[in-house]
């Protein structure tokens, strides 16, 4: 995401996002953002030692155009998302990234067997 004045984000926002939603949508997004910040603050700088951590990431890119986001904007968001997924690997010395090649965001629905297998392997 480009840095600079707050106006840069506004320009990008207007360029990439064209969403029509009710007030309740924005209220839910605001609450989600507040909770995400609280969670990030709680785990920032923490390390789980060798506690096993498995990150299951989607293998199929989201279709951001369905939300009114340009292809270029979608690629930018996908890059940010994928970078974040990989950054989570730093929280433990026993972490692995598992890519659900046939899944979008809803991995538990698209590839439930992968989720179950991952959990079973952790329990061995």
N, C-alpha and C. Protein backbone atom coordinates (compact mmCIF):
# COMPACT_ATOMS: atom_id res chain seq x y z
N UNK A 1 0.85 -1.17 0.00
CA UNK A 1 0.00 0.00 0.00
C UNK A 1 0.89 1.23 0.00
N UNK A 2 0.69 2.18 -0.88
CA UNK A 2 1.53 3.37 -0.91
C UNK A 2 1.42 4.14 0.39
N UNK A 3 2.52 4.76 0.76
CA UNK A 3 2.52 5.56 1.97
C UNK A 3 2.47 7.02 1.59
N UNK A 4 2.27 7.86 2.57
CA UNK A 4 2.21 9.29 2.30
C UNK A 4 1.07 9.89 3.08
N UNK A 5 0.51 10.93 2.55
CA UNK A 5 -0.57 11.62 3.25
C UNK A 5 -1.81 10.73 3.27
N UNK A 6 -2.72 10.99 4.23
CA UNK A 6 -3.96 10.21 4.29
C UNK A 6 -4.76 10.30 3.00
N UNK A 7 -4.58 11.37 2.24
CA UNK A 7 -5.32 11.53 0.99
C UNK A 7 -4.97 10.45 -0.03
N UNK A 8 -3.77 9.90 0.06
CA UNK A 8 -3.37 8.84 -0.87
C UNK A 8 -4.31 7.65 -0.73
N UNK A 9 -4.61 7.26 0.51
CA UNK A 9 -5.51 6.13 0.73
C UNK A 9 -6.89 6.44 0.18
N UNK A 10 -7.36 7.65 0.41
CA UNK A 10 -8.69 8.03 -0.07
C UNK A 10 -8.75 7.90 -1.59
N UNK A 11 -7.72 8.36 -2.28
CA UNK A 11 -7.70 8.25 -3.73
C UNK A 11 -7.71 6.78 -4.15
N UNK A 12 -6.89 5.96 -3.50
CA UNK A 12 -6.87 4.53 -3.82
C UNK A 12 -8.23 3.91 -3.53
N UNK A 13 -8.80 4.28 -2.39
CA UNK A 13 -10.10 3.74 -2.01
C UNK A 13 -11.13 4.05 -3.08
N UNK A 14 -11.18 5.27 -3.53
CA UNK A 14 -12.16 5.65 -4.54
C UNK A 14 -11.85 4.99 -5.88
N UNK A 15 -10.59 4.70 -6.11
CA UNK A 15 -10.19 4.10 -7.37
C UNK A 15 -10.51 2.61 -7.43
N UNK A 16 -10.37 1.91 -6.31
CA UNK A 16 -10.47 0.46 -6.32
C UNK A 16 -11.78 -0.09 -5.76
N UNK A 17 -12.47 0.66 -4.94
CA UNK A 17 -13.63 0.12 -4.25
C UNK A 17 -14.90 0.82 -4.71
N UNK A 18 -15.89 0.02 -5.02
CA UNK A 18 -17.20 0.54 -5.39
C UNK A 18 -18.23 -0.36 -4.74
N UNK A 19 -18.47 -0.15 -3.45
CA UNK A 19 -19.33 -1.03 -2.68
C UNK A 19 -20.56 -0.25 -2.21
N UNK A 20 -21.72 -0.83 -2.39
CA UNK A 20 -22.94 -0.26 -1.86
C UNK A 20 -23.38 -1.16 -0.72
N UNK A 21 -23.50 -0.59 0.48
CA UNK A 21 -23.86 -1.41 1.63
C UNK A 21 -24.70 -0.59 2.60
N UNK A 22 -25.37 -1.29 3.48
CA UNK A 22 -26.19 -0.66 4.51
C UNK A 22 -25.31 -0.22 5.68
N UNK A 23 -25.85 0.64 6.52
CA UNK A 23 -25.13 1.11 7.71
C UNK A 23 -24.65 -0.06 8.56
N UNK A 24 -25.46 -1.10 8.68
CA UNK A 24 -25.09 -2.24 9.52
C UNK A 24 -23.81 -2.90 9.02
N UNK A 25 -23.58 -2.90 7.71
CA UNK A 25 -22.34 -3.46 7.15
C UNK A 25 -21.15 -2.67 7.67
N UNK A 26 -21.22 -1.36 7.59
CA UNK A 26 -20.10 -0.53 8.02
C UNK A 26 -19.90 -0.59 9.54
N UNK A 27 -20.99 -0.73 10.28
CA UNK A 27 -20.86 -0.89 11.73
C UNK A 27 -20.15 -2.20 12.06
N UNK A 28 -20.49 -3.26 11.35
CA UNK A 28 -19.84 -4.56 11.56
C UNK A 28 -18.37 -4.49 11.18
N UNK A 29 -18.05 -3.81 10.08
CA UNK A 29 -16.66 -3.68 9.65
C UNK A 29 -15.86 -2.86 10.66
N UNK A 30 -16.49 -1.83 11.22
CA UNK A 30 -15.81 -1.02 12.23
C UNK A 30 -15.50 -1.86 13.47
N UNK A 31 -16.48 -2.65 13.91
CA UNK A 31 -16.27 -3.51 15.07
C UNK A 31 -15.18 -4.55 14.78
N UNK A 32 -15.20 -5.11 13.59
CA UNK A 32 -14.18 -6.09 13.19
C UNK A 32 -12.79 -5.45 13.22
N UNK A 33 -12.68 -4.24 12.71
CA UNK A 33 -11.39 -3.55 12.70
C UNK A 33 -10.90 -3.27 14.12
N UNK A 34 -11.82 -2.88 15.00
CA UNK A 34 -11.44 -2.62 16.39
C UNK A 34 -10.95 -3.90 17.06
N UNK A 35 -11.64 -5.00 16.83
CA UNK A 35 -11.23 -6.27 17.43
C UNK A 35 -9.91 -6.76 16.85
N UNK A 36 -9.70 -6.56 15.56
CA UNK A 36 -8.44 -6.97 14.93
C UNK A 36 -7.29 -6.20 15.56
N UNK A 37 -7.48 -4.92 15.79
CA UNK A 37 -6.43 -4.12 16.43
C UNK A 37 -6.12 -4.61 17.83
N UNK A 38 -7.15 -4.96 18.58
CA UNK A 38 -6.96 -5.48 19.94
C UNK A 38 -6.20 -6.80 19.90
N UNK A 39 -6.57 -7.67 18.98
CA UNK A 39 -5.88 -8.95 18.84
C UNK A 39 -4.43 -8.75 18.44
N UNK A 40 -4.19 -7.88 17.48
CA UNK A 40 -2.82 -7.60 17.05
C UNK A 40 -1.99 -7.06 18.21
N UNK A 41 -2.56 -6.14 18.99
CA UNK A 41 -1.84 -5.58 20.13
C UNK A 41 -1.49 -6.67 21.14
N UNK A 42 -2.41 -7.62 21.34
CA UNK A 42 -2.20 -8.68 22.33
C UNK A 42 -1.08 -9.64 21.92
N UNK A 43 -0.93 -9.88 20.63
CA UNK A 43 0.08 -10.86 20.21
C UNK A 43 1.35 -10.24 19.64
N UNK A 44 1.34 -8.94 19.40
CA UNK A 44 2.51 -8.28 18.83
C UNK A 44 3.72 -8.50 19.73
N UNK A 45 4.80 -8.94 19.14
CA UNK A 45 6.04 -9.13 19.89
C UNK A 45 6.07 -10.42 20.70
N UNK A 46 5.00 -11.18 20.68
CA UNK A 46 4.98 -12.42 21.43
C UNK A 46 5.48 -13.56 20.56
N UNK A 47 5.96 -14.58 21.22
CA UNK A 47 6.43 -15.76 20.49
C UNK A 47 5.93 -16.99 21.22
N UNK A 48 5.50 -17.97 20.48
CA UNK A 48 4.93 -19.18 21.07
C UNK A 48 5.97 -20.27 21.26
N UNK A 49 7.24 -19.92 21.09
CA UNK A 49 8.30 -20.91 21.25
C UNK A 49 8.16 -21.98 20.19
N UNK A 50 8.14 -23.24 20.62
CA UNK A 50 8.04 -24.35 19.66
C UNK A 50 6.62 -24.91 19.58
N UNK A 51 5.64 -24.19 20.08
CA UNK A 51 4.25 -24.64 19.97
C UNK A 51 3.89 -24.78 18.49
N UNK A 52 3.37 -25.93 18.10
CA UNK A 52 3.05 -26.14 16.68
C UNK A 52 1.97 -25.17 16.18
N UNK A 53 2.25 -24.52 15.08
CA UNK A 53 1.31 -23.60 14.44
C UNK A 53 1.21 -23.98 12.97
N UNK A 54 0.00 -24.13 12.49
CA UNK A 54 -0.21 -24.42 11.08
C UNK A 54 -1.11 -23.34 10.50
N UNK A 55 -0.63 -22.70 9.46
CA UNK A 55 -1.40 -21.68 8.76
C UNK A 55 -1.89 -22.32 7.47
N UNK A 56 -3.20 -22.39 7.31
CA UNK A 56 -3.76 -22.93 6.07
C UNK A 56 -4.24 -21.73 5.25
N UNK A 57 -3.59 -21.50 4.14
CA UNK A 57 -3.89 -20.35 3.29
C UNK A 57 -4.61 -20.80 2.02
N UNK A 58 -5.46 -19.96 1.53
CA UNK A 58 -6.18 -20.27 0.29
C UNK A 58 -5.20 -20.34 -0.87
N UNK A 59 -5.52 -21.20 -1.81
CA UNK A 59 -4.70 -21.32 -3.01
C UNK A 59 -5.29 -20.57 -4.20
N UNK A 60 -6.58 -20.28 -4.13
CA UNK A 60 -7.26 -19.57 -5.21
C UNK A 60 -7.44 -18.11 -4.82
N UNK A 61 -7.07 -17.24 -5.71
CA UNK A 61 -7.21 -15.81 -5.45
C UNK A 61 -8.68 -15.42 -5.37
N UNK A 62 -8.98 -14.51 -4.46
CA UNK A 62 -10.33 -13.97 -4.36
C UNK A 62 -10.68 -13.25 -5.66
N UNK A 63 -11.94 -13.24 -6.02
CA UNK A 63 -12.40 -12.45 -7.16
C UNK A 63 -12.89 -11.12 -6.62
N UNK A 64 -11.97 -10.19 -6.49
CA UNK A 64 -12.29 -8.89 -5.90
C UNK A 64 -13.19 -8.06 -6.80
N UNK A 65 -13.25 -8.38 -8.09
CA UNK A 65 -14.09 -7.60 -8.99
C UNK A 65 -15.57 -7.73 -8.62
N UNK A 66 -15.95 -8.83 -7.97
CA UNK A 66 -17.34 -9.01 -7.53
C UNK A 66 -17.73 -7.98 -6.48
N UNK A 67 -16.72 -7.42 -5.79
CA UNK A 67 -16.97 -6.40 -4.77
C UNK A 67 -16.73 -5.00 -5.34
N UNK A 68 -16.54 -4.93 -6.65
CA UNK A 68 -16.34 -3.63 -7.27
C UNK A 68 -14.90 -3.15 -7.22
N UNK A 69 -13.98 -4.04 -6.91
CA UNK A 69 -12.56 -3.67 -6.82
C UNK A 69 -11.90 -4.02 -8.16
N UNK A 70 -11.08 -3.12 -8.65
CA UNK A 70 -10.42 -3.35 -9.94
C UNK A 70 -9.48 -4.55 -9.87
N UNK A 71 -9.12 -5.07 -11.02
CA UNK A 71 -8.17 -6.19 -11.08
C UNK A 71 -6.86 -5.78 -10.42
N UNK A 72 -6.39 -4.57 -10.74
CA UNK A 72 -5.14 -4.07 -10.15
C UNK A 72 -5.26 -3.98 -8.62
N UNK A 73 -6.37 -3.45 -8.16
CA UNK A 73 -6.59 -3.36 -6.72
C UNK A 73 -6.68 -4.73 -6.07
N UNK A 74 -7.30 -5.67 -6.77
CA UNK A 74 -7.40 -7.04 -6.27
C UNK A 74 -6.04 -7.68 -6.11
N UNK A 75 -5.17 -7.46 -7.07
CA UNK A 75 -3.81 -8.01 -6.98
C UNK A 75 -3.07 -7.40 -5.79
N UNK A 76 -3.29 -6.11 -5.57
CA UNK A 76 -2.64 -5.44 -4.44
C UNK A 76 -3.15 -6.02 -3.11
N UNK A 77 -4.45 -6.17 -2.99
CA UNK A 77 -5.03 -6.73 -1.77
C UNK A 77 -4.57 -8.17 -1.55
N UNK A 78 -4.51 -8.94 -2.62
CA UNK A 78 -4.08 -10.34 -2.51
C UNK A 78 -2.63 -10.42 -2.03
N UNK A 79 -1.79 -9.54 -2.54
CA UNK A 79 -0.39 -9.52 -2.12
C UNK A 79 -0.28 -9.20 -0.63
N UNK A 80 -1.06 -8.23 -0.17
CA UNK A 80 -1.06 -7.87 1.25
C UNK A 80 -1.52 -9.06 2.08
N UNK A 81 -2.59 -9.72 1.64
CA UNK A 81 -3.14 -10.87 2.37
C UNK A 81 -2.12 -12.00 2.46
N UNK A 82 -1.53 -12.35 1.33
CA UNK A 82 -0.57 -13.45 1.31
C UNK A 82 0.67 -13.14 2.15
N UNK A 83 1.12 -11.89 2.12
CA UNK A 83 2.25 -11.49 2.96
C UNK A 83 1.91 -11.66 4.43
N UNK A 84 0.70 -11.27 4.81
CA UNK A 84 0.26 -11.43 6.19
C UNK A 84 0.19 -12.89 6.62
N UNK A 85 -0.27 -13.75 5.72
CA UNK A 85 -0.33 -15.18 6.03
C UNK A 85 1.06 -15.73 6.33
N UNK A 86 2.02 -15.32 5.53
CA UNK A 86 3.40 -15.80 5.73
C UNK A 86 4.06 -15.18 6.95
N UNK A 87 3.70 -13.96 7.26
CA UNK A 87 4.27 -13.30 8.44
C UNK A 87 3.86 -14.01 9.73
N UNK A 88 2.67 -14.61 9.73
CA UNK A 88 2.22 -15.33 10.92
C UNK A 88 3.11 -16.52 11.26
N UNK A 89 3.86 -17.00 10.29
CA UNK A 89 4.76 -18.14 10.54
C UNK A 89 5.86 -17.79 11.55
N UNK A 90 6.13 -16.52 11.74
CA UNK A 90 7.19 -16.08 12.64
C UNK A 90 6.85 -16.27 14.12
N UNK A 91 5.61 -16.57 14.44
CA UNK A 91 5.19 -16.64 15.84
C UNK A 91 5.67 -17.90 16.55
N UNK A 92 6.14 -18.90 15.80
CA UNK A 92 6.59 -20.16 16.39
C UNK A 92 7.76 -20.72 15.59
N UNK A 93 8.62 -21.46 16.29
CA UNK A 93 9.71 -22.13 15.58
C UNK A 93 9.22 -23.41 14.91
N UNK A 94 8.01 -23.84 15.26
CA UNK A 94 7.42 -25.03 14.65
C UNK A 94 6.16 -24.62 13.89
N UNK A 95 6.36 -23.84 12.85
CA UNK A 95 5.21 -23.38 12.07
C UNK A 95 5.34 -23.84 10.63
N UNK A 96 4.21 -24.06 10.01
CA UNK A 96 4.18 -24.48 8.61
C UNK A 96 3.04 -23.78 7.89
N UNK A 97 3.31 -23.43 6.65
CA UNK A 97 2.28 -22.89 5.78
C UNK A 97 1.77 -24.02 4.90
N UNK A 98 0.47 -24.22 4.92
CA UNK A 98 -0.17 -25.23 4.09
C UNK A 98 -1.09 -24.48 3.13
N UNK A 99 -0.89 -24.67 1.85
CA UNK A 99 -1.70 -23.98 0.86
C UNK A 99 -2.82 -24.91 0.39
N UNK A 100 -4.04 -24.47 0.58
CA UNK A 100 -5.21 -25.21 0.13
C UNK A 100 -5.42 -24.85 -1.35
N UNK A 101 -4.79 -25.62 -2.21
CA UNK A 101 -4.72 -25.31 -3.64
C UNK A 101 -6.09 -25.16 -4.31
N UNK A 102 -7.10 -25.87 -3.81
CA UNK A 102 -8.42 -25.86 -4.45
C UNK A 102 -9.41 -24.97 -3.72
N UNK A 103 -8.92 -24.09 -2.84
CA UNK A 103 -9.82 -23.32 -1.99
C UNK A 103 -9.64 -21.82 -2.14
N UNK A 104 -10.77 -21.16 -1.96
CA UNK A 104 -10.77 -19.72 -1.80
C UNK A 104 -10.74 -19.44 -0.30
N UNK A 105 -11.43 -18.38 0.12
CA UNK A 105 -11.42 -17.98 1.52
C UNK A 105 -12.04 -19.03 2.45
N UNK A 106 -13.03 -19.76 1.98
CA UNK A 106 -13.76 -20.71 2.82
C UNK A 106 -13.15 -22.10 2.75
N UNK A 107 -11.94 -22.23 3.23
CA UNK A 107 -11.20 -23.49 3.16
C UNK A 107 -11.96 -24.62 3.84
N UNK A 108 -12.55 -24.35 4.98
CA UNK A 108 -13.26 -25.38 5.74
C UNK A 108 -14.41 -25.97 4.92
N UNK A 109 -14.98 -25.19 4.00
CA UNK A 109 -16.05 -25.69 3.14
C UNK A 109 -15.51 -26.30 1.85
N UNK A 110 -14.45 -25.69 1.30
CA UNK A 110 -13.90 -26.15 0.03
C UNK A 110 -13.04 -27.41 0.17
N UNK A 111 -12.26 -27.49 1.24
CA UNK A 111 -11.37 -28.63 1.45
C UNK A 111 -11.37 -29.06 2.92
N UNK A 112 -12.52 -29.50 3.43
CA UNK A 112 -12.58 -29.87 4.85
C UNK A 112 -11.60 -30.98 5.21
N UNK A 113 -11.34 -31.88 4.27
CA UNK A 113 -10.42 -32.99 4.55
C UNK A 113 -9.01 -32.47 4.85
N UNK A 114 -8.62 -31.37 4.24
CA UNK A 114 -7.30 -30.79 4.50
C UNK A 114 -7.23 -30.23 5.92
N UNK A 115 -8.29 -29.59 6.35
CA UNK A 115 -8.34 -29.05 7.71
C UNK A 115 -8.29 -30.19 8.73
N UNK A 116 -9.09 -31.22 8.51
CA UNK A 116 -9.12 -32.37 9.42
C UNK A 116 -7.76 -33.06 9.46
N UNK A 117 -7.17 -33.28 8.30
CA UNK A 117 -5.85 -33.92 8.22
C UNK A 117 -4.79 -33.10 8.97
N UNK A 118 -4.85 -31.79 8.82
CA UNK A 118 -3.88 -30.92 9.49
C UNK A 118 -4.03 -31.03 11.00
N UNK A 119 -5.26 -31.02 11.49
CA UNK A 119 -5.49 -31.14 12.94
C UNK A 119 -5.05 -32.51 13.43
N UNK A 120 -5.40 -33.55 12.71
CA UNK A 120 -4.99 -34.91 13.12
C UNK A 120 -3.47 -35.04 13.18
N UNK A 121 -2.78 -34.46 12.21
CA UNK A 121 -1.32 -34.51 12.22
C UNK A 121 -0.73 -33.78 13.43
N UNK A 122 -1.38 -32.73 13.86
CA UNK A 122 -0.92 -32.00 15.05
C UNK A 122 -1.12 -32.82 16.31
N UNK A 123 -2.15 -33.65 16.33
CA UNK A 123 -2.47 -34.44 17.52
C UNK A 123 -1.64 -35.70 17.65
N UNK A 124 -0.91 -36.07 16.62
CA UNK A 124 -0.09 -37.29 16.66
C UNK A 124 1.10 -37.12 17.57
